Amino acid sequence: SEAAQASQDAGLPVLAVLPFSAVTATADSAFFAAGVHDDLLTRLAQLPSMLVISRTSVLEYRDTQQNIREIGAALGADAILEGGVQRSGDQVRINLQLIEAESDAHLWAQTYTRELSAKNVFVIQAEIAEAVADVLQAILTDDERGQLEKLPTNNLQALDAYFLGNQYYNQATSEGYSKAIVAYQTAVELDPRFSSAY
């Protein structure tokens, strides 16, 4: 893509974050995995030290049979981040691997297993972003690290409602937008300080 080419010309790494799989096949797990993916994508895209391929482009590769080299070439990505999210009882587990697109070589892999809480979801995302930036040699400023480590909400139910709202919103239909509004309103009612839901 033109954006990826511009980034490469500027010497910035180009990252594609493929949709995360839900390890447990339930509706709750599916929207939670999609929510974690969307939120991490947004956090990474805010970092000026790398270029992140858009959500719309990577969604084409959900459950794809194409190999990493083909995906990397199609998206103009230097590296591909893929993984799965498992939400079970009071625990969340996120398995990730970062792969160099051209060679299909593993650059980094990590499994995060934590008590399920809104805080831990955001802390894991910050750790992932910092680890990926480090591997890709994208230098983060103190301000960028501070931005990554902000906790938008400590309320897990509010986070669930927000993730659900995002899934409805991404349907880009009248019905989806209406359901998204209800979900976002629920998130705000549960945590009036949750600015992302506003």
C-alpha atoms as a PDB file:
ATOM      1  CA  SER A   1       0.000   0.000   0.000  1.00  0.00           C
ATOM      2  CA  GLU A   2       1.038   3.625  -0.420  1.00  0.00           C
ATOM      3  CA  ALA A   3       1.007   4.177   3.351  1.00  0.00           C
ATOM      4  CA  ALA A   4       3.187   1.121   3.944  1.00  0.00           C
ATOM      5  CA  GLN A   5       5.589   2.245   1.220  1.00  0.00           C
ATOM      6  CA  ALA A   6       5.821   5.721   2.760  1.00  0.00           C
ATOM      7  CA  SER A   7       6.546   4.162   6.136  1.00  0.00           C
ATOM      8  CA  GLN A   8       9.236   1.910   4.713  1.00  0.00           C
ATOM      9  CA  ASP A   9      10.789   4.870   2.921  1.00  0.00           C
ATOM     10  CA  ALA A  10      10.927   6.653   6.281  1.00  0.00           C
ATOM     11  CA  GLY A  11      12.570   3.624   7.877  1.00  0.00           C
ATOM     12  CA  LEU A  12       9.590   2.763  10.104  1.00  0.00           C
ATOM     13  CA  PRO A  13       8.543  -0.865  10.655  1.00  0.00           C
ATOM     14  CA  VAL A  14       5.155  -1.872   9.221  1.00  0.00           C
ATOM     15  CA  LEU A  15       3.053  -4.184  11.411  1.00  0.00           C
ATOM     16  CA  ALA A  16      -0.095  -6.158  10.617  1.00  0.00           C
ATOM     17  CA  VAL A  17      -2.104  -7.470  13.582  1.00  0.00           C
ATOM     18  CA  LEU A  18      -4.273 -10.324  12.339  1.00  0.00           C
ATOM     19  CA  PRO A  19      -7.685 -10.893  13.984  1.00  0.00           C
ATOM     20  CA  PHE A  20      -7.292 -12.895  17.181  1.00  0.00           C
ATOM     21  CA  SER A  21      -8.989 -16.266  17.453  1.00  0.00           C
ATOM     22  CA  ALA A  22     -11.251 -17.069  20.390  1.00  0.00           C
ATOM     23  CA  VAL A  23      -9.850 -20.257  21.904  1.00  0.00           C
ATOM     24  CA  THR A  24     -13.195 -21.048  23.550  1.00  0.00           C
ATOM     25  CA  ALA A  25     -15.989 -21.218  20.986  1.00  0.00           C
ATOM     26  CA  THR A  26     -18.650 -19.102  22.701  1.00  0.00           C
ATOM     27  CA  ALA A  27     -20.244 -15.809  21.693  1.00  0.00           C
ATOM     28  CA  ASP A  28     -18.783 -14.090  24.775  1.00  0.00           C
ATOM     29  CA  SER A  29     -15.288 -15.316  23.956  1.00  0.00           C
ATOM     30  CA  ALA A  30     -15.612 -14.252  20.312  1.00  0.00           C
ATOM     31  CA  PHE A  31     -16.586 -10.648  21.047  1.00  0.00           C
ATOM     32  CA  PHE A  32     -14.010 -10.432  23.845  1.00  0.00           C
ATOM     33  CA  ALA A  33     -11.229 -11.643  21.500  1.00  0.00           C
ATOM     34  CA  ALA A  34     -12.375  -9.171  18.838  1.00  0.00           C
ATOM     35  CA  GLY A  35     -12.480  -6.416  21.458  1.00  0.00           C
ATOM     36  CA  VAL A  36      -8.937  -7.099  22.647  1.00  0.00           C
ATOM     37  CA  HIS A  37      -7.768  -7.134  19.010  1.00  0.00           C
ATOM     38  CA  ASP A  38      -9.476  -3.833  18.168  1.00  0.00           C
ATOM     39  CA  ASP A  39      -8.205  -2.123  21.294  1.00  0.00           C
ATOM     40  CA  LEU A  40      -4.625  -3.318  20.844  1.00  0.00           C
ATOM     41  CA  LEU A  41      -4.724  -2.264  17.194  1.00  0.00           C
ATOM     42  CA  THR A  42      -5.857   1.221  18.237  1.00  0.00           C
ATOM     43  CA  ARG A  43      -3.110   1.505  20.859  1.00  0.00           C
ATOM     44  CA  LEU A  44      -0.388   0.390  18.444  1.00  0.00           C
ATOM     45  CA  ALA A  45      -1.669   2.671  15.669  1.00  0.00           C
ATOM     46  CA  GLN A  46      -1.234   5.691  17.958  1.00  0.00           C
ATOM     47  CA  LEU A  47       2.518   5.101  18.150  1.00  0.00           C
ATOM     48  CA  PRO A  48       4.394   7.277  15.618  1.00  0.00           C
ATOM     49  CA  SER A  49       7.404   4.938  15.697  1.00  0.00           C
ATOM     50  CA  MET A  50       5.675   2.287  13.562  1.00  0.00           C
ATOM     51  CA  LEU A  51       2.951   2.019  10.959  1.00  0.00           C
ATOM     52  CA  VAL A  52       0.075  -0.370  11.707  1.00  0.00           C
ATOM     53  CA  ILE A  53      -2.039  -1.765   8.888  1.00  0.00           C
ATOM     54  CA  SER A  54      -5.704  -0.764   9.229  1.00  0.00           C
ATOM     55  CA  ARG A  55      -8.338  -2.947  10.841  1.00  0.00           C
ATOM     56  CA  THR A  56     -10.342  -3.065   7.595  1.00  0.00           C
ATOM     57  CA  SER A  57      -7.367  -4.498   5.702  1.00  0.00           C
ATOM     58  CA  VAL A  58      -6.429  -7.155   8.274  1.00  0.00           C
ATOM     59  CA  LEU A  59     -10.030  -8.356   8.738  1.00  0.00           C
ATOM     60  CA  GLU A  60      -9.820  -9.856   5.251  1.00  0.00           C
ATOM     61  CA  TYR A  61      -7.414 -12.407   6.726  1.00  0.00           C
ATOM     62  CA  ARG A  62      -9.671 -13.730   9.486  1.00  0.00           C
ATOM     63  CA  ASP A  63      -9.493 -17.557   9.391  1.00  0.00           C
ATOM     64  CA  THR A  64      -7.408 -17.362   6.219  1.00  0.00           C
ATOM     65  CA  GLN A  65      -5.476 -20.285   4.783  1.00  0.00           C
ATOM     66  CA  GLN A  66      -2.876 -17.975   3.232  1.00  0.00           C
ATOM     67  CA  ASN A  67       0.628 -18.195   4.620  1.00  0.00           C
ATOM     68  CA  ILE A  68       2.431 -15.382   6.406  1.00  0.00           C
ATOM     69  CA  ARG A  69       4.630 -14.523   3.419  1.00  0.00           C
ATOM     70  CA  GLU A  70       1.595 -14.088   1.180  1.00  0.00           C
ATOM     71  CA  ILE A  71      -0.219 -11.954   3.756  1.00  0.00           C
ATOM     72  CA  GLY A  72       2.867  -9.853   4.394  1.00  0.00           C
ATOM     73  CA  ALA A  73       3.402  -9.244   0.694  1.00  0.00           C
ATOM     74  CA  ALA A  74      -0.257  -8.342   0.117  1.00  0.00           C
ATOM     75  CA  LEU A  75      -0.337  -5.887   3.029  1.00  0.00           C
ATOM     76  CA  GLY A  76       3.181  -4.503   2.640  1.00  0.00           C
ATOM     77  CA  ALA A  77       3.965  -5.559   6.211  1.00  0.00           C
ATOM     78  CA  ASP A  78       7.383  -6.254   7.691  1.00  0.00           C
ATOM     79  CA  ALA A  79       5.942  -8.292  10.554  1.00  0.00           C
ATOM     80  CA  ILE A  80       2.712 -10.087  11.410  1.00  0.00           C
ATOM     81  CA  LEU A  81       1.290 -10.394  14.934  1.00  0.00           C
ATOM     82  CA  GLU A  82      -1.174 -13.229  15.420  1.00  0.00           C
ATOM     83  CA  GLY A  83      -2.684 -14.903  18.427  1.00  0.00           C
ATOM     84  CA  GLY A  84      -5.595 -16.229  20.404  1.00  0.00           C
ATOM     85  CA  VAL A  85      -7.573 -15.116  23.420  1.00  0.00           C
ATOM     86  CA  GLN A  86      -9.039 -17.460  26.000  1.00  0.00           C
ATOM     87  CA  ARG A  87     -11.451 -16.206  28.631  1.00  0.00           C
ATOM     88  CA  SER A  88     -12.267 -18.851  31.197  1.00  0.00           C
ATOM     89  CA  GLY A  89     -13.862 -18.219  34.575  1.00  0.00           C
ATOM     90  CA  ASP A  90     -11.756 -15.675  36.407  1.00  0.00           C
ATOM     91  CA  GLN A  91      -8.754 -15.935  34.086  1.00  0.00           C
ATOM     92  CA  VAL A  92      -7.726 -14.532  30.719  1.00  0.00           C
ATOM     93  CA  ARG A  93      -4.980 -16.021  28.573  1.00  0.00           C
ATOM     94  CA  ILE A  94      -3.547 -14.378  25.476  1.00  0.00           C
ATOM     95  CA  ASN A  95      -1.117 -16.297  23.249  1.00  0.00           C
ATOM     96  CA  LEU A  96       0.832 -14.255  20.715  1.00  0.00           C
ATOM     97  CA  GLN A  97       3.553 -14.674  18.166  1.00  0.00           C
ATOM     98  CA  LEU A  98       5.325 -12.071  16.052  1.00  0.00           C
ATOM     99  CA  ILE A  99       6.559 -13.329  12.695  1.00  0.00           C
ATOM    100  CA  GLU A 100       8.833 -11.719  10.150  1.00  0.00           C
ATOM    101  CA  ALA A 101       6.753 -11.570   6.989  1.00  0.00           C
ATOM    102  CA  GLU A 102       9.487 -12.025   4.397  1.00  0.00           C
ATOM    103  CA  SER A 103      11.207 -15.028   5.993  1.00  0.00           C
ATOM    104  CA  ASP A 104       8.321 -16.511   8.042  1.00  0.00           C
ATOM    105  CA  ALA A 105      10.762 -16.576  10.989  1.00  0.00           C
ATOM    106  CA  HIS A 106       9.466 -16.246  14.546  1.00  0.00           C
ATOM    107  CA  LEU A 107      10.683 -13.015  16.118  1.00  0.00           C
ATOM    108  CA  TRP A 108       8.907 -13.235  19.469  1.00  0.00           C
ATOM    109  CA  ALA A 109       6.254 -15.272  21.260  1.00  0.00           C
ATOM    110  CA  GLN A 110       4.585 -14.864  24.621  1.00  0.00           C
ATOM    111  CA  THR A 111       1.679 -16.223  26.634  1.00  0.00           C
ATOM    112  CA  TYR A 112       0.004 -13.915  29.141  1.00  0.00           C
ATOM    113  CA  THR A 113      -2.129 -15.565  31.816  1.00  0.00           C
ATOM    114  CA  ARG A 114      -3.683 -13.240  34.367  1.00  0.00           C
ATOM    115  CA  GLU A 115      -6.659 -12.849  36.626  1.00  0.00           C
ATOM    116  CA  LEU A 116      -9.529 -11.543  34.495  1.00  0.00           C
ATOM    117  CA  SER A 117      -9.967  -7.844  35.215  1.00  0.00           C
ATOM    118  CA  ALA A 118     -10.251  -4.697  33.142  1.00  0.00           C
ATOM    119  CA  LYS A 119      -6.950  -3.480  34.560  1.00  0.00           C
ATOM    120  CA  ASN A 120      -5.133  -6.668  33.559  1.00  0.00           C
ATOM    121  CA  VAL A 121      -6.532  -6.551  30.010  1.00  0.00           C
ATOM    122  CA  PHE A 122      -5.085  -3.053  29.563  1.00  0.00           C
ATOM    123  CA  VAL A 123      -1.813  -3.941  31.319  1.00  0.00           C
ATOM    124  CA  ILE A 124      -1.340  -6.947  29.012  1.00  0.00           C
ATOM    125  CA  GLN A 125      -2.002  -4.763  25.964  1.00  0.00           C
ATOM    126  CA  ALA A 126       0.607  -2.256  27.135  1.00  0.00           C
ATOM    127  CA  GLU A 127       3.134  -5.052  27.693  1.00  0.00           C
ATOM    128  CA  ILE A 128       2.403  -6.482  24.235  1.00  0.00           C
ATOM    129  CA  ALA A 129       2.801  -3.086  22.547  1.00  0.00           C
ATOM    130  CA  GLU A 130       6.089  -2.412  24.341  1.00  0.00           C
ATOM    131  CA  ALA A 131       7.441  -5.900  23.551  1.00  0.00           C
ATOM    132  CA  VAL A 132       6.497  -5.644  19.862  1.00  0.00           C
ATOM    133  CA  ALA A 133       8.012  -2.154  19.604  1.00  0.00           C
ATOM    134  CA  ASP A 134      11.207  -3.445  21.207  1.00  0.00           C
ATOM    135  CA  VAL A 135      11.491  -6.401  18.823  1.00  0.00           C
ATOM    136  CA  LEU A 136      10.814  -4.166  15.802  1.00  0.00           C
ATOM    137  CA  GLN A 137      13.329  -1.620  17.151  1.00  0.00           C
ATOM    138  CA  ALA A 138      10.661   1.071  17.267  1.00  0.00           C
ATOM    139  CA  ILE A 139      11.793   3.536  19.929  1.00  0.00           C
ATOM    140  CA  LEU A 140       9.005   4.583  22.323  1.00  0.00           C
ATOM    141  CA  THR A 141       9.173   7.929  24.066  1.00  0.00           C
ATOM    142  CA  ASP A 142       8.256   8.295  27.735  1.00  0.00           C
ATOM    143  CA  ASP A 143       5.012   9.994  26.637  1.00  0.00           C
ATOM    144  CA  GLU A 144       4.135   7.055  24.380  1.00  0.00           C
ATOM    145  CA  ARG A 145       4.819   4.565  27.160  1.00  0.00           C
ATOM    146  CA  GLY A 146       2.643   6.649  29.478  1.00  0.00           C
ATOM    147  CA  GLN A 147      -0.153   6.652  26.894  1.00  0.00           C
ATOM    148  CA  LEU A 148       0.049   2.859  26.577  1.00  0.00           C
ATOM    149  CA  GLU A 149      -0.115   2.391  30.335  1.00  0.00           C
ATOM    150  CA  LYS A 150      -3.258   4.485  30.880  1.00  0.00           C
ATOM    151  CA  LEU A 151      -6.205   2.523  32.286  1.00  0.00           C
ATOM    152  CA  PRO A 152      -9.419   3.715  30.570  1.00  0.00           C
ATOM    153  CA  THR A 153     -11.589   1.772  33.071  1.00  0.00           C
ATOM    154  CA  ASN A 154     -11.205  -0.590  36.018  1.00  0.00           C
ATOM    155  CA  ASN A 155     -14.724  -1.961  35.546  1.00  0.00           C
ATOM    156  CA  LEU A 156     -14.777  -5.303  33.707  1.00  0.00           C
ATOM    157  CA  GLN A 157     -18.520  -5.109  32.970  1.00  0.00           C
ATOM    158  CA  ALA A 158     -18.036  -1.648  31.477  1.00  0.00           C
ATOM    159  CA  LEU A 159     -15.185  -2.994  29.338  1.00  0.00           C
ATOM    160  CA  ASP A 160     -17.357  -5.896  28.174  1.00  0.00           C
ATOM    161  CA  ALA A 161     -20.132  -3.469  27.205  1.00  0.00           C
ATOM    162  CA  TYR A 162     -17.626  -1.280  25.365  1.00  0.00           C
ATOM    163  CA  PHE A 163     -16.176  -4.250  23.439  1.00  0.00           C
ATOM    164  CA  LEU A 164     -19.696  -5.374  22.548  1.00  0.00           C
ATOM    165  CA  GLY A 165     -20.551  -1.851  21.384  1.00  0.00           C
ATOM    166  CA  ASN A 166     -17.492  -1.833  19.139  1.00  0.00           C
ATOM    167  CA  GLN A 167     -18.552  -5.098  17.517  1.00  0.00           C
ATOM    168  CA  TYR A 168     -22.020  -3.715  16.791  1.00  0.00           C
ATOM    169  CA  TYR A 169     -20.556  -0.436  15.535  1.00  0.00           C
ATOM    170  CA  ASN A 170     -18.199  -2.277  13.172  1.00  0.00           C
ATOM    171  CA  GLN A 171     -21.182  -3.929  11.478  1.00  0.00           C
ATOM    172  CA  ALA A 172     -21.810  -0.509   9.885  1.00  0.00           C
ATOM    173  CA  THR A 173     -25.596  -1.017   9.728  1.00  0.00           C
ATOM    174  CA  SER A 174     -28.472   0.995  11.184  1.00  0.00           C
ATOM    175  CA  GLU A 175     -29.324  -1.870  13.516  1.00  0.00           C
ATOM    176  CA  GLY A 176     -25.672  -2.230  14.502  1.00  0.00           C
ATOM    177  CA  TYR A 177     -25.344   1.470  15.308  1.00  0.00           C
ATOM    178  CA  SER A 178     -28.504   1.379  17.428  1.00  0.00           C
ATOM    179  CA  LYS A 179     -27.246  -1.608  19.410  1.00  0.00           C
ATOM    180  CA  ALA A 180     -23.823   0.033  19.739  1.00  0.00           C
ATOM    181  CA  ILE A 181     -25.374   3.129  21.307  1.00  0.00           C
ATOM    182  CA  VAL A 182     -27.158   0.988  23.911  1.00  0.00           C
ATOM    183  CA  ALA A 183     -23.938  -0.902  24.707  1.00  0.00           C
ATOM    184  CA  TYR A 184     -21.883   2.299  24.999  1.00  0.00           C
ATOM    185  CA  GLN A 185     -24.538   3.843  27.249  1.00  0.00           C
ATOM    186  CA  THR A 186     -24.357   0.756  29.453  1.00  0.00           C
ATOM    187  CA  ALA A 187     -20.573   1.102  29.644  1.00  0.00           C
ATOM    188  CA  VAL A 188     -20.870   4.765  30.682  1.00  0.00           C
ATOM    189  CA  GLU A 189     -23.522   3.953  33.283  1.00  0.00           C
ATOM    190  CA  LEU A 190     -21.207   1.312  34.775  1.00  0.00           C
ATOM    191  CA  ASP A 191     -18.223   3.695  34.741  1.00  0.00           C
ATOM    192  CA  PRO A 192     -19.052   7.394  34.159  1.00  0.00           C
ATOM    193  CA  ARG A 193     -15.316   8.116  33.791  1.00  0.00           C
ATOM    194  CA  PHE A 194     -14.861   5.701  30.875  1.00  0.00           C
ATOM    195  CA  SER A 195     -14.061   8.311  28.198  1.00  0.00           C
ATOM    196  CA  SER A 196     -13.581   5.807  25.336  1.00  0.00           C
ATOM    197  CA  ALA A 197     -17.206   4.718  25.731  1.00  0.00           C
ATOM    198  CA  TYR A 198     -18.354   8.352  25.463  1.00  0.00           C
END
